[in-house]
Amino acid sequence: MFRLVLLSASIFILSVGALAQGNTKEVYQRDTGPGFFKKLPEINPKDVPSRELNGIVRDENGDPLKAAIVTVTNLKTKAAKSFVTKEDGRYRFDQLIKADDYEVKARFQGRDTETKSLSTYDPRDRPTLNLQFEKVEPRKEQPSSAASKPSGSQ
């Protein structure tokens, strides 16, 4: 008798499990659909809308600056590209994604220009951002308070 009860309980548990498993399988098939495992299309970088950025880097006197390092940084990905200016101070970056914002600045002999922005809202395909170094003010020596006091006074 015990074997018969055990056998019928086992059959009941297995049949309930099979029914539950069948429902799960139907839901899974319904959610995924027949095209779920299709390969995504390849994206060619030339198909992504892009633009070209160029400009001239000038020194504090307004003359074109050779060998300045211009850096453009994608604000979304934080990826940066650099370009060393030519004899005429020109730089050029191509294949900049139109849907991303960028920051541009130049560096020369430890000094930086003001950072300029290229926004997604700028409609131009070939924007020009010229960069210029500001004049350096000579440092004025100010006498320190300790040096102005006589050595004997307190």
N, C-alpha and C. Protein backbone atom coordinates (compact mmCIF):
# COMPACT_ATOMS: atom_id res chain seq x y z
N MET A 1 0.80 -1.18 0.00
CA MET A 1 0.00 0.00 0.00
C MET A 1 0.87 1.27 0.00
N PHE A 2 1.92 1.23 0.81
CA PHE A 2 2.82 2.38 0.88
C PHE A 2 3.42 2.68 -0.48
N ARG A 3 3.78 1.63 -1.24
CA ARG A 3 4.36 1.82 -2.57
C ARG A 3 3.36 2.47 -3.52
N LEU A 4 2.12 2.08 -3.41
CA LEU A 4 1.10 2.65 -4.28
C LEU A 4 0.89 4.15 -4.00
N VAL A 5 0.88 4.54 -2.75
CA VAL A 5 0.73 5.96 -2.38
C VAL A 5 1.95 6.74 -2.85
N LEU A 6 3.14 6.17 -2.66
CA LEU A 6 4.37 6.83 -3.08
C LEU A 6 4.41 6.99 -4.60
N LEU A 7 3.97 5.95 -5.32
CA LEU A 7 3.95 6.01 -6.78
C LEU A 7 2.93 7.05 -7.27
N SER A 8 1.76 7.10 -6.70
CA SER A 8 0.76 8.08 -7.13
C SER A 8 1.19 9.50 -6.77
N ALA A 9 1.85 9.72 -5.66
CA ALA A 9 2.36 11.05 -5.28
C ALA A 9 3.45 11.49 -6.24
N SER A 10 4.31 10.56 -6.63
CA SER A 10 5.38 10.88 -7.57
C SER A 10 4.80 11.26 -8.93
N ILE A 11 3.79 10.52 -9.38
CA ILE A 11 3.16 10.83 -10.67
C ILE A 11 2.49 12.20 -10.61
N PHE A 12 1.84 12.52 -9.51
CA PHE A 12 1.19 13.80 -9.35
C PHE A 12 2.21 14.95 -9.40
N ILE A 13 3.30 14.81 -8.70
CA ILE A 13 4.34 15.85 -8.67
C ILE A 13 4.95 16.03 -10.05
N LEU A 14 5.23 14.95 -10.74
CA LEU A 14 5.80 15.04 -12.08
C LEU A 14 4.83 15.69 -13.07
N SER A 15 3.55 15.36 -12.97
CA SER A 15 2.59 15.94 -13.91
C SER A 15 2.39 17.43 -13.65
N VAL A 16 2.38 17.85 -12.38
CA VAL A 16 2.27 19.28 -12.06
C VAL A 16 3.51 20.01 -12.56
N GLY A 17 4.68 19.43 -12.38
CA GLY A 17 5.93 20.03 -12.87
C GLY A 17 5.93 20.15 -14.39
N ALA A 18 5.41 19.13 -15.08
CA ALA A 18 5.37 19.17 -16.55
C ALA A 18 4.41 20.25 -17.03
N LEU A 19 3.28 20.42 -16.36
CA LEU A 19 2.35 21.47 -16.75
C LEU A 19 2.96 22.85 -16.55
N ALA A 20 3.62 23.04 -15.42
CA ALA A 20 4.26 24.33 -15.15
C ALA A 20 5.36 24.61 -16.16
N GLN A 21 6.10 23.58 -16.50
CA GLN A 21 7.18 23.75 -17.46
C GLN A 21 6.62 24.08 -18.85
N GLY A 22 5.52 23.49 -19.18
CA GLY A 22 4.89 23.78 -20.47
C GLY A 22 4.45 25.23 -20.57
N ASN A 23 3.89 25.80 -19.52
CA ASN A 23 3.47 27.19 -19.52
C ASN A 23 4.66 28.13 -19.66
N THR A 24 5.75 27.82 -18.99
CA THR A 24 6.94 28.66 -19.07
C THR A 24 7.48 28.66 -20.49
N LYS A 25 7.47 27.52 -21.12
CA LYS A 25 7.99 27.42 -22.47
C LYS A 25 7.14 28.25 -23.44
N GLU A 26 5.83 28.22 -23.28
CA GLU A 26 4.97 29.01 -24.15
C GLU A 26 5.22 30.51 -23.97
N VAL A 27 5.38 30.96 -22.74
CA VAL A 27 5.64 32.38 -22.47
C VAL A 27 6.98 32.77 -23.09
N TYR A 28 8.00 31.95 -22.94
CA TYR A 28 9.31 32.25 -23.48
C TYR A 28 9.25 32.39 -25.00
N GLN A 29 8.56 31.48 -25.66
CA GLN A 29 8.47 31.54 -27.11
C GLN A 29 7.67 32.77 -27.56
N ARG A 30 6.67 33.13 -26.83
CA ARG A 30 5.84 34.26 -27.20
C ARG A 30 6.63 35.57 -27.04
N ASP A 31 7.48 35.70 -25.99
CA ASP A 31 8.22 36.93 -25.75
C ASP A 31 9.35 37.15 -26.75
N THR A 32 10.02 36.11 -27.16
CA THR A 32 11.20 36.29 -28.01
C THR A 32 10.85 36.49 -29.47
N GLY A 33 9.87 35.80 -29.96
CA GLY A 33 9.51 35.93 -31.38
C GLY A 33 10.50 35.21 -32.28
N PRO A 34 10.16 35.06 -33.54
CA PRO A 34 10.99 34.26 -34.44
C PRO A 34 12.29 34.97 -34.85
N GLY A 35 12.33 36.31 -34.85
CA GLY A 35 13.52 37.00 -35.30
C GLY A 35 14.44 37.44 -34.18
N PHE A 36 14.30 36.86 -33.00
CA PHE A 36 15.05 37.32 -31.83
C PHE A 36 16.55 37.12 -32.00
N PHE A 37 16.97 36.04 -32.62
CA PHE A 37 18.39 35.73 -32.71
C PHE A 37 19.00 36.15 -34.04
N LYS A 38 18.36 37.05 -34.76
CA LYS A 38 18.92 37.52 -36.03
C LYS A 38 20.17 38.36 -35.75
N LYS A 39 21.13 38.30 -36.66
CA LYS A 39 22.35 39.08 -36.54
C LYS A 39 22.05 40.55 -36.84
N LEU A 40 22.61 41.44 -36.03
CA LEU A 40 22.42 42.86 -36.25
C LEU A 40 23.19 43.31 -37.48
N PRO A 41 22.72 44.31 -38.18
CA PRO A 41 23.44 44.75 -39.38
C PRO A 41 24.76 45.40 -39.00
N GLU A 42 25.75 45.26 -39.87
CA GLU A 42 27.05 45.88 -39.67
C GLU A 42 26.91 47.39 -39.88
N ILE A 43 27.59 48.18 -39.05
CA ILE A 43 27.56 49.63 -39.18
C ILE A 43 28.88 50.09 -39.75
N ASN A 44 28.82 50.74 -40.88
CA ASN A 44 30.00 51.29 -41.51
C ASN A 44 30.24 52.69 -40.94
N PRO A 45 31.46 52.99 -40.41
CA PRO A 45 31.70 54.32 -39.86
C PRO A 45 31.43 55.46 -40.84
N LYS A 46 31.51 55.17 -42.13
CA LYS A 46 31.25 56.21 -43.13
C LYS A 46 29.77 56.54 -43.23
N ASP A 47 28.90 55.66 -42.71
CA ASP A 47 27.47 55.89 -42.75
C ASP A 47 26.98 56.74 -41.58
N VAL A 48 27.81 56.91 -40.54
CA VAL A 48 27.43 57.72 -39.38
C VAL A 48 27.63 59.19 -39.74
N PRO A 49 26.63 60.04 -39.51
CA PRO A 49 26.79 61.47 -39.85
C PRO A 49 27.97 62.08 -39.08
N SER A 50 28.91 62.64 -39.82
CA SER A 50 30.10 63.21 -39.19
C SER A 50 30.39 64.57 -39.78
N ARG A 51 31.38 65.23 -39.21
CA ARG A 51 31.79 66.54 -39.68
C ARG A 51 33.29 66.71 -39.52
N GLU A 52 33.79 67.81 -40.07
CA GLU A 52 35.22 68.11 -40.04
C GLU A 52 35.41 69.43 -39.29
N LEU A 53 36.34 69.44 -38.34
CA LEU A 53 36.65 70.64 -37.58
C LEU A 53 38.03 71.13 -37.98
N ASN A 54 38.16 72.44 -38.21
CA ASN A 54 39.47 72.99 -38.52
C ASN A 54 39.59 74.38 -37.92
N GLY A 55 40.81 74.89 -37.95
CA GLY A 55 41.05 76.22 -37.42
C GLY A 55 42.53 76.55 -37.45
N ILE A 56 42.87 77.70 -36.88
CA ILE A 56 44.25 78.17 -36.81
C ILE A 56 44.57 78.50 -35.35
N VAL A 57 45.75 78.11 -34.91
CA VAL A 57 46.23 78.46 -33.58
C VAL A 57 47.19 79.63 -33.72
N ARG A 58 46.94 80.68 -32.93
CA ARG A 58 47.77 81.88 -33.01
C ARG A 58 48.41 82.17 -31.64
N ASP A 59 49.59 82.79 -31.70
CA ASP A 59 50.25 83.18 -30.46
C ASP A 59 49.64 84.47 -29.93
N GLU A 60 50.21 85.01 -28.85
CA GLU A 60 49.63 86.21 -28.23
C GLU A 60 49.69 87.44 -29.12
N ASN A 61 50.57 87.43 -30.16
CA ASN A 61 50.66 88.56 -31.09
C ASN A 61 49.76 88.39 -32.31
N GLY A 62 49.08 87.25 -32.41
CA GLY A 62 48.19 87.00 -33.55
C GLY A 62 48.87 86.28 -34.70
N ASP A 63 50.13 85.85 -34.52
CA ASP A 63 50.84 85.13 -35.57
C ASP A 63 50.53 83.64 -35.48
N PRO A 64 50.44 82.95 -36.65
CA PRO A 64 50.20 81.50 -36.63
C PRO A 64 51.31 80.79 -35.86
N LEU A 65 50.93 79.77 -35.10
CA LEU A 65 51.86 79.09 -34.21
C LEU A 65 52.12 77.67 -34.69
N LYS A 66 53.38 77.37 -34.98
CA LYS A 66 53.79 76.04 -35.42
C LYS A 66 54.05 75.16 -34.20
N ALA A 67 53.71 73.89 -34.29
CA ALA A 67 54.00 72.84 -33.30
C ALA A 67 53.20 72.96 -32.01
N ALA A 68 52.07 73.63 -32.05
CA ALA A 68 51.16 73.62 -30.90
C ALA A 68 50.34 72.33 -30.98
N ILE A 69 50.01 71.77 -29.84
CA ILE A 69 49.24 70.52 -29.81
C ILE A 69 47.78 70.87 -29.55
N VAL A 70 46.94 70.58 -30.54
CA VAL A 70 45.50 70.83 -30.42
C VAL A 70 44.83 69.51 -30.04
N THR A 71 44.00 69.56 -29.02
CA THR A 71 43.31 68.35 -28.55
C THR A 71 41.81 68.57 -28.63
N VAL A 72 41.12 67.61 -29.24
CA VAL A 72 39.66 67.63 -29.28
C VAL A 72 39.19 66.44 -28.46
N THR A 73 38.24 66.70 -27.54
CA THR A 73 37.76 65.67 -26.62
C THR A 73 36.26 65.49 -26.79
N ASN A 74 35.84 64.25 -27.01
CA ASN A 74 34.43 63.90 -27.09
C ASN A 74 33.88 63.89 -25.67
N LEU A 75 32.89 64.73 -25.38
CA LEU A 75 32.38 64.84 -24.03
C LEU A 75 31.54 63.64 -23.61
N LYS A 76 31.01 62.88 -24.56
CA LYS A 76 30.21 61.71 -24.22
C LYS A 76 31.11 60.52 -23.87
N THR A 77 32.11 60.26 -24.72
CA THR A 77 32.96 59.08 -24.52
C THR A 77 34.26 59.39 -23.80
N LYS A 78 34.61 60.67 -23.68
CA LYS A 78 35.86 61.13 -23.09
C LYS A 78 37.08 60.74 -23.92
N ALA A 79 36.86 60.31 -25.14
CA ALA A 79 37.97 59.99 -26.05
C ALA A 79 38.55 61.29 -26.59
N ALA A 80 39.88 61.33 -26.72
CA ALA A 80 40.55 62.55 -27.18
C ALA A 80 41.45 62.23 -28.36
N LYS A 81 41.55 63.20 -29.28
CA LYS A 81 42.46 63.11 -30.42
C LYS A 81 43.34 64.35 -30.38
N SER A 82 44.59 64.23 -30.84
CA SER A 82 45.50 65.36 -30.86
C SER A 82 46.05 65.58 -32.26
N PHE A 83 46.45 66.82 -32.52
CA PHE A 83 47.00 67.20 -33.81
C PHE A 83 48.08 68.26 -33.55
N VAL A 84 49.23 68.12 -34.19
CA VAL A 84 50.30 69.11 -34.08
C VAL A 84 50.18 70.06 -35.26
N THR A 85 50.12 71.36 -34.96
CA THR A 85 49.89 72.35 -36.01
C THR A 85 51.09 72.44 -36.97
N LYS A 86 50.76 72.79 -38.19
CA LYS A 86 51.77 72.92 -39.25
C LYS A 86 52.40 74.31 -39.20
N GLU A 87 53.21 74.62 -40.21
CA GLU A 87 53.89 75.92 -40.31
C GLU A 87 52.91 77.09 -40.23
N ASP A 88 51.74 76.92 -40.86
CA ASP A 88 50.76 78.01 -40.91
C ASP A 88 49.81 78.01 -39.71
N GLY A 89 50.06 77.16 -38.70
CA GLY A 89 49.24 77.13 -37.49
C GLY A 89 47.92 76.41 -37.64
N ARG A 90 47.69 75.77 -38.78
CA ARG A 90 46.40 75.12 -39.04
C ARG A 90 46.32 73.73 -38.40
N TYR A 91 45.10 73.37 -38.04
CA TYR A 91 44.80 72.01 -37.57
C TYR A 91 43.51 71.56 -38.21
N ARG A 92 43.29 70.22 -38.22
CA ARG A 92 42.08 69.67 -38.82
C ARG A 92 41.78 68.32 -38.19
N PHE A 93 40.52 68.13 -37.82
CA PHE A 93 40.02 66.85 -37.33
C PHE A 93 38.84 66.46 -38.20
N ASP A 94 38.87 65.24 -38.73
CA ASP A 94 37.72 64.77 -39.51
C ASP A 94 37.08 63.59 -38.79
N GLN A 95 35.94 63.16 -39.30
CA GLN A 95 35.17 62.05 -38.74
C GLN A 95 34.73 62.31 -37.29
N LEU A 96 34.37 63.56 -36.97
CA LEU A 96 33.77 63.86 -35.66
C LEU A 96 32.27 63.61 -35.77
N ILE A 97 31.75 62.86 -34.84
CA ILE A 97 30.33 62.47 -34.88
C ILE A 97 29.46 63.69 -34.62
N LYS A 98 28.50 63.93 -35.50
CA LYS A 98 27.63 65.11 -35.37
C LYS A 98 26.77 65.05 -34.11
N ALA A 99 26.43 63.88 -33.63
CA ALA A 99 25.54 63.74 -32.48
C ALA A 99 26.25 63.90 -31.15
N ASP A 100 27.56 64.17 -31.15
CA ASP A 100 28.33 64.32 -29.91
C ASP A 100 28.85 65.74 -29.76
N ASP A 101 29.02 66.17 -28.51
CA ASP A 101 29.60 67.46 -28.19
C ASP A 101 31.11 67.29 -27.98
N TYR A 102 31.88 68.33 -28.32
CA TYR A 102 33.34 68.27 -28.22
C TYR A 102 33.88 69.52 -27.55
N GLU A 103 35.06 69.38 -26.93
CA GLU A 103 35.83 70.51 -26.42
C GLU A 103 37.16 70.53 -27.15
N VAL A 104 37.63 71.76 -27.47
CA VAL A 104 38.88 71.92 -28.23
C VAL A 104 39.76 72.92 -27.49
N LYS A 105 41.05 72.59 -27.37
CA LYS A 105 42.01 73.53 -26.81
C LYS A 105 43.39 73.23 -27.37
N ALA A 106 44.29 74.21 -27.27
CA ALA A 106 45.65 74.05 -27.76
C ALA A 106 46.62 74.21 -26.59
N ARG A 107 47.77 73.54 -26.70
CA ARG A 107 48.81 73.61 -25.67
C ARG A 107 50.14 73.86 -26.36
N PHE A 108 50.92 74.78 -25.79
CA PHE A 108 52.24 75.09 -26.35
C PHE A 108 53.13 75.57 -25.21
N GLN A 109 54.26 74.91 -25.04
CA GLN A 109 55.25 75.24 -24.02
C GLN A 109 54.62 75.41 -22.64
N GLY A 110 53.78 74.46 -22.26
CA GLY A 110 53.20 74.44 -20.92
C GLY A 110 52.02 75.37 -20.71
N ARG A 111 51.59 76.08 -21.73
CA ARG A 111 50.45 76.98 -21.61
C ARG A 111 49.29 76.45 -22.44
N ASP A 112 48.08 76.75 -22.00
CA ASP A 112 46.86 76.32 -22.70
C ASP A 112 46.07 77.53 -23.17
N THR A 113 45.36 77.34 -24.28
CA THR A 113 44.42 78.36 -24.73
C THR A 113 43.12 78.17 -23.98
N GLU A 114 42.22 79.09 -24.18
CA GLU A 114 40.87 78.95 -23.65
C GLU A 114 40.21 77.76 -24.34
N THR A 115 39.43 76.97 -23.60
CA THR A 115 38.73 75.83 -24.17
C THR A 115 37.49 76.31 -24.90
N LYS A 116 37.32 75.82 -26.13
CA LYS A 116 36.12 76.16 -26.92
C LYS A 116 35.28 74.90 -27.10
N SER A 117 33.99 75.10 -27.35
CA SER A 117 33.06 73.97 -27.47
C SER A 117 32.50 73.88 -28.89
N LEU A 118 32.26 72.64 -29.30
CA LEU A 118 31.57 72.35 -30.55
C LEU A 118 30.34 71.54 -30.17
N SER A 119 29.17 72.13 -30.36
CA SER A 119 27.92 71.54 -29.90
C SER A 119 27.23 70.74 -31.00
N THR A 120 26.38 69.83 -30.59
CA THR A 120 25.56 69.08 -31.54
C THR A 120 24.57 70.01 -32.24
N TYR A 121 24.28 71.14 -31.62
CA TYR A 121 23.32 72.09 -32.19
C TYR A 121 23.94 72.97 -33.27
N ASP A 122 25.25 72.91 -33.43
CA ASP A 122 25.92 73.66 -34.49
C ASP A 122 25.66 72.94 -35.81
N PRO A 123 24.93 73.55 -36.76
CA PRO A 123 24.52 72.83 -37.97
C PRO A 123 25.62 72.69 -39.03
N ARG A 124 26.75 73.35 -38.86
CA ARG A 124 27.77 73.36 -39.91
C ARG A 124 28.46 72.00 -40.06
N ASP A 125 28.73 71.62 -41.32
CA ASP A 125 29.46 70.38 -41.59
C ASP A 125 30.96 70.57 -41.44
N ARG A 126 31.44 71.80 -41.62
CA ARG A 126 32.86 72.11 -41.50
C ARG A 126 33.06 73.37 -40.65
N PRO A 127 32.81 73.26 -39.34
CA PRO A 127 32.99 74.44 -38.49
C PRO A 127 34.46 74.81 -38.33
N THR A 128 34.70 76.08 -38.06
CA THR A 128 36.05 76.59 -37.84
C THR A 128 36.12 77.19 -36.44
N LEU A 129 37.07 76.70 -35.63
CA LEU A 129 37.30 77.24 -34.30
C LEU A 129 38.77 77.66 -34.21
N ASN A 130 39.02 78.96 -34.24
CA ASN A 130 40.37 79.48 -34.12
C ASN A 130 40.71 79.64 -32.64
N LEU A 131 41.95 79.30 -32.29
CA LEU A 131 42.41 79.36 -30.91
C LEU A 131 43.56 80.35 -30.82
N GLN A 132 43.60 81.13 -29.72
CA GLN A 132 44.68 82.10 -29.56
C GLN A 132 45.14 82.11 -28.11
N PHE A 133 46.46 82.17 -27.94
CA PHE A 133 47.04 82.27 -26.61
C PHE A 133 46.94 83.70 -26.12
N GLU A 134 46.67 83.85 -24.84
CA GLU A 134 46.57 85.19 -24.25
C GLU A 134 47.96 85.67 -23.85
N LYS A 135 48.10 86.99 -23.78
CA LYS A 135 49.38 87.57 -23.37
C LYS A 135 49.66 87.23 -21.92
N VAL A 136 50.94 86.97 -21.65
CA VAL A 136 51.36 86.64 -20.29
C VAL A 136 51.80 87.92 -19.62
N GLU A 137 51.18 88.23 -18.50
CA GLU A 137 51.56 89.41 -17.73
C GLU A 137 52.84 89.10 -16.96
N PRO A 138 53.83 90.01 -17.01
CA PRO A 138 55.04 89.76 -16.21
C PRO A 138 54.71 89.82 -14.73
N ARG A 139 55.33 88.94 -13.98
CA ARG A 139 55.08 88.88 -12.54
C ARG A 139 55.80 90.02 -11.85
N LYS A 140 55.07 90.70 -10.99
CA LYS A 140 55.66 91.79 -10.22
C LYS A 140 56.08 91.24 -8.87
N GLU A 141 57.31 91.56 -8.49
CA GLU A 141 57.82 91.14 -7.19
C GLU A 141 57.27 92.08 -6.13
N GLN A 142 56.61 91.53 -5.14
CA GLN A 142 56.13 92.34 -4.03
C GLN A 142 56.99 92.04 -2.82
N PRO A 143 57.42 93.09 -2.14
CA PRO A 143 58.26 92.83 -0.96
C PRO A 143 57.46 92.10 0.11
N SER A 144 58.09 91.13 0.70
CA SER A 144 57.41 90.39 1.77
C SER A 144 57.49 91.19 3.05
N SER A 145 56.58 90.95 3.97
CA SER A 145 56.52 91.73 5.22
C SER A 145 57.73 91.43 6.10
N ALA A 146 58.29 90.24 6.02
CA ALA A 146 59.44 89.89 6.83
C ALA A 146 60.68 90.61 6.33
N ALA A 147 60.79 90.83 5.03
CA ALA A 147 61.97 91.47 4.47
C ALA A 147 61.97 92.97 4.75
N SER A 148 60.81 93.58 4.91
CA SER A 148 60.75 95.02 5.12
C SER A 148 61.02 95.42 6.57
N LYS A 149 60.89 94.49 7.51
CA LYS A 149 61.14 94.82 8.91
C LYS A 149 62.63 94.83 9.19
N PRO A 150 63.08 95.76 10.01
CA PRO A 150 64.47 95.70 10.42
C PRO A 150 64.73 94.45 11.23
N SER A 151 65.95 93.95 11.18
CA SER A 151 66.25 92.69 11.84
C SER A 151 66.18 92.77 13.36
N GLY A 152 66.35 93.93 13.94
CA GLY A 152 66.35 94.05 15.39
C GLY A 152 64.98 94.28 15.98
N SER A 153 63.98 94.67 15.20
CA SER A 153 62.65 94.97 15.78
C SER A 153 61.75 93.75 15.78
N GLN A 154 60.74 93.81 16.64
CA GLN A 154 59.82 92.68 16.75
C GLN A 154 58.42 93.08 16.43
